[in-house]
Amino acid sequence: MDPLSIAASIVALCTAAKSCHKLAKSAYRTSVRVKTAQDDIYNFSRDVHLFGDVLLLACNALEPFQDEESQQRPVIQYLVDKKVLDQLSKMSDRLLRELDDYIPAELRDLRNTWKLVTRFRWVSQRKEIEAMGPKMESLKCSFNLVLNSVLLETVRLQPRTEGNSREM
């Protein structure tokens, strides 16, 4: 088992999270400047920012499990052996590239055009942009499943005491 694989996945997730936040900030600034379609652009920026938050949460939650002892835990071992985090990182990066390749240039164009043209461009791109939402949701659910699995295993492996057995 390669202890660096989980570390590399965490670094990739953190990088993707930062990129999501940067993209969301750009979209938010555009929504403020562009009065037409303002709510749509703002909602999109909020969704991208939330996706970045989930990636950052995954980074922070998985960071403590990079040591050799954690690598022996069954759930962590499964995640590493099956390259689950690596695959999720790659899928997040692919989605981010899709967002980054498609959206920023369009948002820059939206900032510099007339309101009527802006509304037309946003409406004509709405389907492509909205199609990215379910992809972000799917990845967020996958990360949620991974984090819950790690958490459940952590709780299960804790020594039972009188205080924590009542809580469970």
Protein backbone atom coordinates (compact mmCIF):
# COMPACT_ATOMS: atom_id res chain seq x y z
CA MET A 1 0.00 0.00 0.00
CA ASP A 2 1.41 3.36 -1.01
CA PRO A 3 1.12 5.92 1.80
CA LEU A 4 1.75 8.71 -0.68
CA SER A 5 -1.36 7.92 -2.72
CA ILE A 6 -3.75 9.23 -0.07
CA ALA A 7 -1.55 12.30 0.40
CA ALA A 8 -1.50 12.96 -3.35
CA SER A 9 -5.28 12.63 -3.52
CA ILE A 10 -5.68 15.05 -0.63
CA VAL A 11 -3.40 17.58 -2.31
CA ALA A 12 -5.37 17.23 -5.56
CA LEU A 13 -8.65 17.76 -3.70
CA CYS A 14 -7.32 20.85 -1.94
CA THR A 15 -6.10 22.29 -5.25
CA ALA A 16 -9.49 21.63 -6.85
CA ALA A 17 -11.25 23.24 -3.88
CA LYS A 18 -9.17 26.41 -4.25
CA SER A 19 -9.93 26.53 -7.97
CA CYS A 20 -13.65 26.13 -7.28
CA HIS A 21 -13.59 29.01 -4.85
CA LYS A 22 -11.72 31.19 -7.35
CA LEU A 23 -14.25 30.36 -10.08
CA ALA A 24 -17.17 30.97 -7.74
CA LYS A 25 -15.75 34.36 -6.78
CA SER A 26 -15.45 35.30 -10.46
CA ALA A 27 -19.04 34.21 -11.12
CA TYR A 28 -20.26 36.12 -8.09
CA ARG A 29 -18.52 39.32 -9.24
CA THR A 30 -20.16 38.88 -12.61
CA SER A 31 -23.59 38.45 -11.01
CA VAL A 32 -23.12 41.74 -9.17
CA ARG A 33 -22.09 43.61 -12.34
CA VAL A 34 -24.67 42.09 -14.63
CA LYS A 35 -28.19 43.02 -13.62
CA THR A 36 -29.92 40.66 -16.04
CA ALA A 37 -29.67 36.98 -15.15
CA GLN A 38 -28.11 38.09 -11.87
CA ASP A 39 -29.92 35.48 -9.77
CA ASP A 40 -28.99 32.63 -12.12
CA ILE A 41 -25.32 33.56 -12.15
CA TYR A 42 -25.32 34.09 -8.38
CA ASN A 43 -26.93 30.67 -7.80
CA PHE A 44 -24.37 29.06 -10.08
CA SER A 45 -21.52 30.74 -8.18
CA ARG A 46 -23.03 29.55 -4.89
CA ASP A 47 -23.23 25.95 -6.18
CA VAL A 48 -19.61 26.00 -7.34
CA HIS A 49 -18.50 27.50 -4.04
CA LEU A 50 -20.37 24.80 -2.10
CA PHE A 51 -18.72 22.13 -4.24
CA GLY A 52 -15.35 23.67 -3.34
CA ASP A 53 -16.35 23.63 0.34
CA VAL A 54 -17.12 19.90 0.16
CA LEU A 55 -13.74 19.24 -1.47
CA LEU A 56 -12.02 21.27 1.24
CA LEU A 57 -13.95 19.42 3.94
CA ALA A 58 -12.80 16.11 2.43
CA CYS A 59 -9.19 17.34 2.47
CA ASN A 60 -9.34 18.41 6.09
CA ALA A 61 -11.20 15.29 7.25
CA LEU A 62 -8.88 12.85 5.46
CA GLU A 63 -5.61 14.58 6.29
CA PRO A 64 -5.16 12.84 9.68
CA PHE A 65 -5.34 9.41 7.98
CA GLN A 66 -2.08 9.68 6.06
CA ASP A 67 0.08 7.89 8.63
CA GLU A 68 1.12 4.25 8.47
CA GLU A 69 -1.17 3.19 11.30
CA SER A 70 -4.25 4.65 9.59
CA GLN A 71 -3.29 2.97 6.34
CA GLN A 72 -3.91 -0.38 8.08
CA ARG A 73 -7.54 0.42 8.84
CA PRO A 74 -9.90 -1.57 6.59
CA VAL A 75 -11.80 1.42 5.17
CA ILE A 76 -8.66 3.46 4.51
CA GLN A 77 -6.97 0.39 3.07
CA TYR A 78 -9.96 -0.16 0.76
CA LEU A 79 -9.93 3.50 -0.33
CA VAL A 80 -6.23 3.28 -1.15
CA ASP A 81 -6.28 -0.21 -2.73
CA LYS A 82 -9.27 0.56 -4.95
CA LYS A 83 -7.96 4.07 -5.66
CA VAL A 84 -11.31 5.55 -4.65
CA LEU A 85 -9.87 8.90 -3.60
CA ASP A 86 -7.69 9.02 -6.69
CA GLN A 87 -10.70 8.40 -8.92
CA LEU A 88 -12.81 10.99 -7.09
CA SER A 89 -9.95 13.48 -7.36
CA LYS A 90 -9.68 12.86 -11.09
CA MET A 91 -13.45 13.18 -11.55
CA SER A 92 -13.44 16.44 -9.57
CA ASP A 93 -10.53 17.73 -11.62
CA ARG A 94 -12.28 16.77 -14.87
CA LEU A 95 -15.44 18.61 -13.79
CA LEU A 96 -13.40 21.57 -12.69
CA ARG A 97 -11.63 21.71 -16.05
CA GLU A 98 -15.02 21.58 -17.75
CA LEU A 99 -16.23 24.44 -15.58
CA ASP A 100 -12.99 26.34 -15.99
CA ASP A 101 -12.75 25.84 -19.75
CA TYR A 102 -16.33 26.74 -20.44
CA ILE A 103 -17.41 29.26 -17.85
CA PRO A 104 -14.70 31.87 -17.20
CA ALA A 105 -14.36 33.07 -20.79
CA GLU A 106 -18.13 33.30 -21.05
CA LEU A 107 -18.34 35.18 -17.76
CA ARG A 108 -15.73 37.67 -18.93
CA ASP A 109 -17.75 38.18 -22.08
CA LEU A 110 -20.88 38.67 -20.01
CA ARG A 111 -19.22 41.45 -18.03
CA ASN A 112 -18.33 43.45 -21.13
CA THR A 113 -21.51 43.30 -23.18
CA TRP A 114 -24.88 44.97 -23.30
CA LYS A 115 -27.60 43.70 -21.04
CA LEU A 116 -29.69 42.29 -23.88
CA VAL A 117 -26.73 40.36 -25.30
CA THR A 118 -25.80 39.22 -21.80
CA ARG A 119 -29.27 37.85 -21.15
CA PHE A 120 -29.27 36.04 -24.50
CA ARG A 121 -25.84 34.49 -23.88
CA TRP A 122 -26.72 33.31 -20.40
CA VAL A 123 -30.04 31.86 -21.51
CA SER A 124 -28.42 30.10 -24.48
CA GLN A 125 -25.79 28.54 -22.18
CA ARG A 126 -28.15 27.73 -19.34
CA LYS A 127 -28.59 24.05 -20.27
CA GLU A 128 -24.84 23.38 -20.42
CA ILE A 129 -24.26 25.21 -17.16
CA GLU A 130 -27.17 23.53 -15.39
CA ALA A 131 -25.92 20.13 -16.62
CA MET A 132 -22.86 20.63 -14.44
CA GLY A 133 -25.02 20.83 -11.30
CA PRO A 134 -25.90 17.11 -11.10
CA LYS A 135 -22.24 16.24 -11.68
CA MET A 136 -21.24 18.38 -8.71
CA GLU A 137 -24.04 16.85 -6.60
CA SER A 138 -22.97 13.33 -7.54
CA LEU A 139 -19.39 13.99 -6.50
CA LYS A 140 -20.51 15.65 -3.28
CA CYS A 141 -22.57 12.53 -2.45
CA SER A 142 -19.58 10.29 -3.19
CA PHE A 143 -17.34 12.33 -0.90
CA ASN A 144 -20.05 12.24 1.75
CA LEU A 145 -20.14 8.45 1.55
CA VAL A 146 -16.35 8.22 1.86
CA LEU A 147 -16.24 10.60 4.82
CA ASN A 148 -19.09 8.83 6.60
CA SER A 149 -17.41 5.46 6.07
CA VAL A 150 -14.16 6.76 7.56
CA LEU A 151 -16.05 8.34 10.45
CA LEU A 152 -18.03 5.19 11.21
CA GLU A 153 -14.88 3.12 11.19
CA THR A 154 -13.17 5.61 13.51
CA VAL A 155 -16.08 5.46 15.95
CA ARG A 156 -16.24 1.66 15.71
CA LEU A 157 -12.52 1.31 16.49
CA GLN A 158 -12.61 3.57 19.55
CA PRO A 159 -12.30 1.70 22.84
CA ARG A 160 -15.65 1.48 24.55
CA THR A 161 -16.02 3.24 27.84
CA GLU A 162 -19.09 3.79 29.95
CA GLY A 163 -19.42 7.38 28.72
CA ASN A 164 -19.19 6.75 25.00
CA SER A 165 -21.24 3.52 24.97
CA ARG A 166 -24.28 5.51 26.08
CA GLU A 167 -23.76 8.03 23.28
CA MET A 168 -23.82 5.32 20.63
